[in-house]
C-alpha atoms as a PDB file:
ATOM      1  CA  MET A   1      88.360 107.190  88.589  1.00  0.00           C
ATOM      2  CA  ASP A   2      89.933 110.360  87.814  1.00  0.00           C
ATOM      3  CA  ILE A   3      93.413 111.965  88.482  1.00  0.00           C
ATOM      4  CA  GLY A   4      92.195 113.200  92.185  1.00  0.00           C
ATOM      5  CA  ASN A   5      91.406 109.749  93.251  1.00  0.00           C
ATOM      6  CA  ILE A   6      94.288 108.707  92.267  1.00  0.00           C
ATOM      7  CA  ILE A   7      96.528 110.744  94.133  1.00  0.00           C
ATOM      8  CA  ALA A   8      94.401 110.451  97.025  1.00  0.00           C
ATOM      9  CA  TRP A   9      94.754 106.732  97.186  1.00  0.00           C
ATOM     10  CA  ILE A  10      98.728 107.375  96.644  1.00  0.00           C
ATOM     11  CA  ILE A  11      98.509 109.999  99.631  1.00  0.00           C
ATOM     12  CA  VAL A  12      96.581 107.543 101.740  1.00  0.00           C
ATOM     13  CA  GLY A  13      98.659 104.707 100.925  1.00  0.00           C
ATOM     14  CA  ALA A  14     102.159 106.455 101.760  1.00  0.00           C
ATOM     15  CA  ILE A  15     100.784 107.380 104.984  1.00  0.00           C
ATOM     16  CA  ALA A  16      99.093 104.369 105.992  1.00  0.00           C
ATOM     17  CA  GLY A  17     102.188 102.367 104.809  1.00  0.00           C
ATOM     18  CA  TRP A  18     104.587 104.433 106.502  1.00  0.00           C
ATOM     19  CA  LEU A  19     102.567 104.565 109.799  1.00  0.00           C
ATOM     20  CA  ALA A  20     102.081 100.728 109.926  1.00  0.00           C
ATOM     21  CA  SER A  21     106.058  99.984 109.034  1.00  0.00           C
ATOM     22  CA  LEU A  22     106.791 102.106 112.293  1.00  0.00           C
ATOM     23  CA  VAL A  23     104.350 100.066 114.408  1.00  0.00           C
ATOM     24  CA  MET A  24     105.881  96.929 112.478  1.00  0.00           C
ATOM     25  CA  GLY A  25     109.146  97.870 113.003  1.00  0.00           C
ATOM     26  CA  THR A  26     109.920  97.405 108.958  1.00  0.00           C
ATOM     27  CA  ASN A  27     110.619 101.575 108.488  1.00  0.00           C
ATOM     28  CA  ARG A  28     114.300 101.101 107.833  1.00  0.00           C
ATOM     29  CA  ARG A  29     113.775  98.295 105.505  1.00  0.00           C
ATOM     30  CA  GLN A  30     111.052 100.096 103.192  1.00  0.00           C
ATOM     31  CA  SER A  31     111.196 102.659 100.729  1.00  0.00           C
ATOM     32  CA  LEU A  32     108.477 105.062  99.961  1.00  0.00           C
ATOM     33  CA  LEU A  33     107.523 103.243  97.195  1.00  0.00           C
ATOM     34  CA  GLU A  34     106.816 100.067  99.359  1.00  0.00           C
ATOM     35  CA  ASP A  35     105.117 101.975 101.891  1.00  0.00           C
ATOM     36  CA  ILE A  36     102.574 103.517  99.221  1.00  0.00           C
ATOM     37  CA  VAL A  37     102.091  99.959  97.971  1.00  0.00           C
ATOM     38  CA  VAL A  38     101.469  98.365 101.149  1.00  0.00           C
ATOM     39  CA  GLY A  39      99.142 101.230 102.226  1.00  0.00           C
ATOM     40  CA  ILE A  40      97.007 101.055  98.953  1.00  0.00           C
ATOM     41  CA  ILE A  41      97.218  97.165  99.306  1.00  0.00           C
ATOM     42  CA  GLY A  42      96.145  97.689 103.228  1.00  0.00           C
ATOM     43  CA  GLY A  43      93.368  99.952 101.985  1.00  0.00           C
ATOM     44  CA  PHE A  44      91.722  96.837 100.497  1.00  0.00           C
ATOM     45  CA  ILE A  45      92.940  94.255 103.069  1.00  0.00           C
ATOM     46  CA  GLY A  46      91.138  96.821 105.818  1.00  0.00           C
ATOM     47  CA  GLY A  47      88.052  97.110 103.895  1.00  0.00           C
ATOM     48  CA  LEU A  48      87.341  93.393 103.673  1.00  0.00           C
ATOM     49  CA  VAL A  49      88.323  92.721 107.073  1.00  0.00           C
ATOM     50  CA  LEU A  50      85.965  95.448 108.469  1.00  0.00           C
ATOM     51  CA  GLY A  51      83.395  95.048 106.200  1.00  0.00           C
ATOM     52  CA  LEU A  52      83.176  91.129 107.407  1.00  0.00           C
ATOM     53  CA  LEU A  53      83.327  92.343 110.977  1.00  0.00           C
ATOM     54  CA  ASP A  54      80.415  94.361 109.860  1.00  0.00           C
ATOM     55  CA  ILE A  55      81.633  97.283 111.017  1.00  0.00           C
ATOM     56  CA  GLY A  56      82.260  99.202 107.643  1.00  0.00           C
ATOM     57  CA  GLY A  57      85.559 100.093 106.190  1.00  0.00           C
ATOM     58  CA  ASP A  58      85.523 102.505 103.483  1.00  0.00           C
ATOM     59  CA  VAL A  59      88.369 104.023 101.711  1.00  0.00           C
ATOM     60  CA  SER A  60      86.885 107.317 100.175  1.00  0.00           C
ATOM     61  CA  GLY A  61      89.447 109.606  99.610  1.00  0.00           C
ATOM     62  CA  LEU A  62      91.233 111.768 101.449  1.00  0.00           C
ATOM     63  CA  ASN A  63      90.173 111.571 104.803  1.00  0.00           C
ATOM     64  CA  ILE A  64      91.263 110.623 108.326  1.00  0.00           C
ATOM     65  CA  ALA A  65      88.860 107.039 108.558  1.00  0.00           C
ATOM     66  CA  SER A  66      90.493 105.996 105.348  1.00  0.00           C
ATOM     67  CA  ILE A  67      93.738 106.395 106.617  1.00  0.00           C
ATOM     68  CA  VAL A  68      92.571 104.642 109.565  1.00  0.00           C
ATOM     69  CA  VAL A  69      91.180 101.611 107.497  1.00  0.00           C
ATOM     70  CA  ALA A  70      94.322 101.575 105.278  1.00  0.00           C
ATOM     71  CA  PHE A  71      96.820 101.487 108.371  1.00  0.00           C
ATOM     72  CA  ILE A  72      94.560  98.366 109.774  1.00  0.00           C
ATOM     73  CA  GLY A  73      95.128  96.641 106.786  1.00  0.00           C
ATOM     74  CA  ALA A  74      98.693  97.342 106.278  1.00  0.00           C
ATOM     75  CA  VAL A  75      99.680  96.082 109.743  1.00  0.00           C
ATOM     76  CA  VAL A  76      97.729  92.711 108.929  1.00  0.00           C
ATOM     77  CA  LEU A  77      99.552  92.977 105.564  1.00  0.00           C
ATOM     78  CA  LEU A  78     102.830  93.357 107.073  1.00  0.00           C
ATOM     79  CA  LEU A  79     101.980  90.475 110.066  1.00  0.00           C
ATOM     80  CA  ILE A  80     101.362  88.341 106.974  1.00  0.00           C
ATOM     81  CA  LEU A  81     104.604  88.784 105.397  1.00  0.00           C
ATOM     82  CA  LYS A  82     106.487  88.737 108.397  1.00  0.00           C
ATOM     83  CA  ALA A  83     104.874  85.302 109.134  1.00  0.00           C
ATOM     84  CA  VAL A  84     105.336  84.053 105.681  1.00  0.00           C
ATOM     85  CA  ARG A  85     108.979  85.352 105.950  1.00  0.00           C
ATOM     86  CA  GLY A  86     109.795  83.473 109.259  1.00  0.00           C
ATOM     87  CA  THR A  87     111.032  86.924 110.793  1.00  0.00           C
ATOM     88  CA  ALA A  88     108.018  87.333 113.103  1.00  0.00           C
ATOM     89  CA  GLN A  89     109.179  88.010 116.683  1.00  0.00           C
ATOM     90  CA  VAL A  90     107.260  86.601 119.739  1.00  0.00           C
END
């Protein structure tokens, strides 16, 4: 993994984490660093979930498909965190 891949992961993570925080209503409580971490972990979760569904979810650089996969995973991660914390609203 070279520096270009690391930068791409950070950018994809930031965008996906920020979009997921907007959708999940956690934007005001999350910093940029938290958005990046949520987005990067979301990339792994999104790839796993879409792979299990046989849809194929590969985060492979700085592109729209990678952002969508990471966004889906980030939303799933924030849903899990809200459920664990007991802050999920019905």
